Protein backbone atom coordinates (compact mmCIF):
# COMPACT_ATOMS: atom_id res chain seq x y z
CA MET A 1 -36.48 21.89 -25.65
CA GLU A 2 -40.04 20.56 -25.75
CA LEU A 3 -41.45 18.80 -28.85
CA PRO A 4 -44.68 19.53 -30.30
CA ALA A 5 -47.51 17.10 -29.66
CA VAL A 6 -48.17 16.77 -33.30
CA ALA A 7 -45.50 16.57 -36.08
CA GLU A 8 -45.51 16.68 -39.77
CA TRP A 9 -44.30 13.64 -41.63
CA GLU A 10 -44.38 13.41 -45.33
CA GLY A 11 -47.39 15.81 -45.42
CA ALA A 12 -49.21 14.05 -42.73
CA ARG A 13 -50.04 14.99 -39.23
CA VAL A 14 -48.44 12.34 -36.79
CA ALA A 15 -48.90 12.27 -32.99
CA ARG A 16 -46.00 11.94 -30.87
CA GLY A 17 -45.81 9.58 -27.86
CA PHE A 18 -47.00 10.94 -24.46
CA SER A 19 -47.79 9.72 -21.13
CA VAL A 20 -50.61 10.40 -18.66
CA GLU A 21 -50.75 10.01 -14.85
CA ALA A 22 -54.18 8.74 -14.03
CA ALA A 23 -54.22 10.10 -10.51
CA SER A 24 -53.87 13.66 -11.93
CA LEU A 25 -57.14 13.42 -13.95
CA PRO A 26 -60.45 14.23 -12.54
CA LEU A 27 -63.06 11.56 -11.68
CA GLU A 28 -66.06 12.02 -13.81
CA GLY A 29 -69.52 10.42 -13.70
CA GLY A 30 -71.39 9.20 -10.50
CA THR A 31 -74.10 11.91 -10.90
CA ASP A 32 -76.33 10.77 -13.71
CA PRO A 33 -78.51 7.83 -12.56
CA ALA A 34 -79.01 6.59 -16.03
CA PHE A 35 -75.24 5.47 -15.97
CA GLY A 36 -75.34 4.02 -12.42
CA THR A 37 -72.85 5.12 -9.60
CA VAL A 38 -69.69 4.24 -11.63
CA ARG A 39 -66.95 6.96 -12.02
CA TRP A 40 -64.14 7.16 -14.58
CA ARG A 41 -61.12 8.86 -15.64
CA THR A 42 -60.52 9.50 -19.28
CA LEU A 43 -56.67 9.00 -20.05
CA VAL A 44 -56.48 8.98 -23.93
CA SER A 45 -59.07 10.69 -26.09
CA ALA A 46 -58.31 12.92 -29.15
CA ASP A 47 -60.31 15.92 -27.55
CA ARG A 48 -57.95 15.68 -24.55
CA THR A 49 -54.75 14.11 -25.63
CA PRO A 50 -52.49 14.10 -28.79
CA SER A 51 -53.87 10.81 -29.80
CA SER A 52 -55.94 9.18 -32.59
CA GLY A 53 -57.89 5.96 -33.30
CA MET A 54 -58.36 4.87 -29.65
CA THR A 55 -59.80 5.78 -26.30
CA LEU A 56 -58.60 4.49 -23.02
CA GLY A 57 -59.85 5.19 -19.50
CA LEU A 58 -60.22 3.84 -15.93
CA ALA A 59 -63.63 2.84 -14.39
CA GLU A 60 -63.82 3.01 -10.62
CA PHE A 61 -66.56 1.40 -8.49
CA GLY A 62 -67.27 1.58 -4.82
CA PRO A 63 -68.77 -1.39 -3.08
CA PHE A 64 -71.80 -2.71 -5.20
CA ASP A 65 -71.58 0.26 -7.40
CA THR A 66 -73.19 -0.33 -10.84
CA LEU A 67 -72.89 0.47 -14.53
CA GLU A 68 -76.39 0.13 -15.78
CA PRO A 69 -77.15 -2.09 -18.79
CA HIS A 70 -76.52 -0.32 -22.09
CA ARG A 71 -75.32 -0.67 -25.79
CA HIS A 72 -72.99 1.23 -28.05
CA GLY A 73 -71.73 0.79 -31.56
CA PRO A 74 -68.00 0.17 -31.02
CA ALA A 75 -66.77 -2.83 -29.39
CA GLU A 76 -65.21 -2.48 -25.94
CA PHE A 77 -62.68 -4.16 -23.69
CA TYR A 78 -62.21 -4.30 -19.84
CA LEU A 79 -58.98 -5.27 -18.06
CA GLY A 80 -59.59 -5.77 -14.41
CA LEU A 81 -56.98 -4.02 -12.14
CA ASP A 82 -58.37 -4.21 -8.43
CA GLY A 83 -61.44 -5.71 -6.76
CA ALA A 84 -64.02 -7.98 -8.32
CA GLY A 85 -67.29 -7.72 -9.90
CA ILE A 86 -69.74 -9.27 -12.69
CA VAL A 87 -70.00 -7.96 -16.24
CA THR A 88 -73.16 -9.17 -17.70
CA ILE A 89 -73.12 -9.29 -21.59
CA ASP A 90 -76.37 -10.26 -23.35
CA GLY A 91 -77.67 -11.81 -20.15
CA ALA A 92 -74.55 -14.08 -19.52
CA PRO A 93 -72.38 -13.10 -16.41
CA HIS A 94 -68.78 -12.79 -16.55
CA PRO A 95 -66.50 -12.46 -13.56
CA ILE A 96 -64.06 -9.64 -13.64
CA GLY A 97 -61.00 -9.07 -11.32
CA PRO A 98 -57.16 -8.38 -11.40
CA GLY A 99 -55.71 -9.64 -14.81
CA THR A 100 -59.08 -10.68 -16.26
CA ALA A 101 -59.85 -9.26 -19.69
CA VAL A 102 -63.53 -9.00 -20.88
CA PHE A 103 -64.38 -8.42 -24.66
CA ILE A 104 -67.66 -6.71 -25.33
CA PRO A 105 -68.93 -7.03 -28.98
CA PRO A 106 -70.49 -4.02 -30.81
CA GLU A 107 -74.03 -3.45 -29.88
CA ALA A 108 -74.06 -6.08 -26.92
CA GLU A 109 -76.07 -5.18 -24.06
CA HIS A 110 -73.82 -5.05 -21.07
CA GLY A 111 -73.57 -3.78 -17.48
CA VAL A 112 -71.50 -4.17 -14.30
CA VAL A 113 -72.02 -4.66 -10.69
CA ALA A 114 -69.10 -4.28 -8.32
CA GLY A 115 -68.50 -6.68 -5.39
CA PRO A 116 -68.11 -5.90 -1.71
CA GLU A 117 -64.53 -4.55 -2.13
CA GLY A 118 -65.36 -2.39 -5.21
CA LEU A 119 -63.86 -2.76 -8.70
CA ARG A 120 -61.38 -0.90 -10.91
CA PHE A 121 -60.80 -1.74 -14.54
CA ALA A 122 -59.18 -0.26 -17.67
CA TYR A 123 -61.59 0.10 -20.73
CA GLY A 124 -60.94 0.97 -24.26
CA PHE A 125 -62.69 1.70 -27.43
CA PRO A 126 -61.50 1.87 -31.11
CA THR A 127 -62.52 5.36 -31.47
CA ALA A 128 -60.69 8.50 -31.38
CA ARG A 129 -62.78 10.15 -28.81
CA PHE A 130 -64.89 8.96 -25.71
CA SER A 131 -67.56 11.44 -26.87
CA GLU A 132 -67.87 9.44 -30.00
CA VAL A 133 -69.43 6.44 -28.05
CA ASP A 134 -73.33 6.72 -28.04
CA TYR A 135 -74.42 5.11 -24.89
CA ARG A 136 -77.96 3.83 -25.06
CA PHE A 137 -79.18 2.56 -21.83
CA SER A 138 -81.71 -0.30 -21.58
CA PRO A 139 -85.15 0.48 -20.15
CA ARG A 140 -85.44 -0.41 -16.39
CA GLY A 141 -87.92 -3.26 -15.68
């Protein structure tokens, strides 16, 4: 018997645990030059999964691909999984690679450039839905 994704508990709606296989999800992005050439998979987002309060995804970069400098209200974290690159936060470069965590404060300008082997990292926001993150890209010089 399959349990419902959301249950009632003392009058409140409570999400049940679930799992998501990243490889089964479509790659998004890579087509809007404002974002750069990064592509991503949204793993946890309340508009797609029975979840609340957090968003989780995987960012995937080919060699020297980019995520253009931008800002957004919620804080964000990256956790390096494969490859290497540089995350620039408010003008300061921070290397990222497997096992390296990067914290990005709210409203900090940040962008990413992958190294010659590409880069893959997990990212997360303390928001229920990825669509709640308002990306504001910096003007290009």
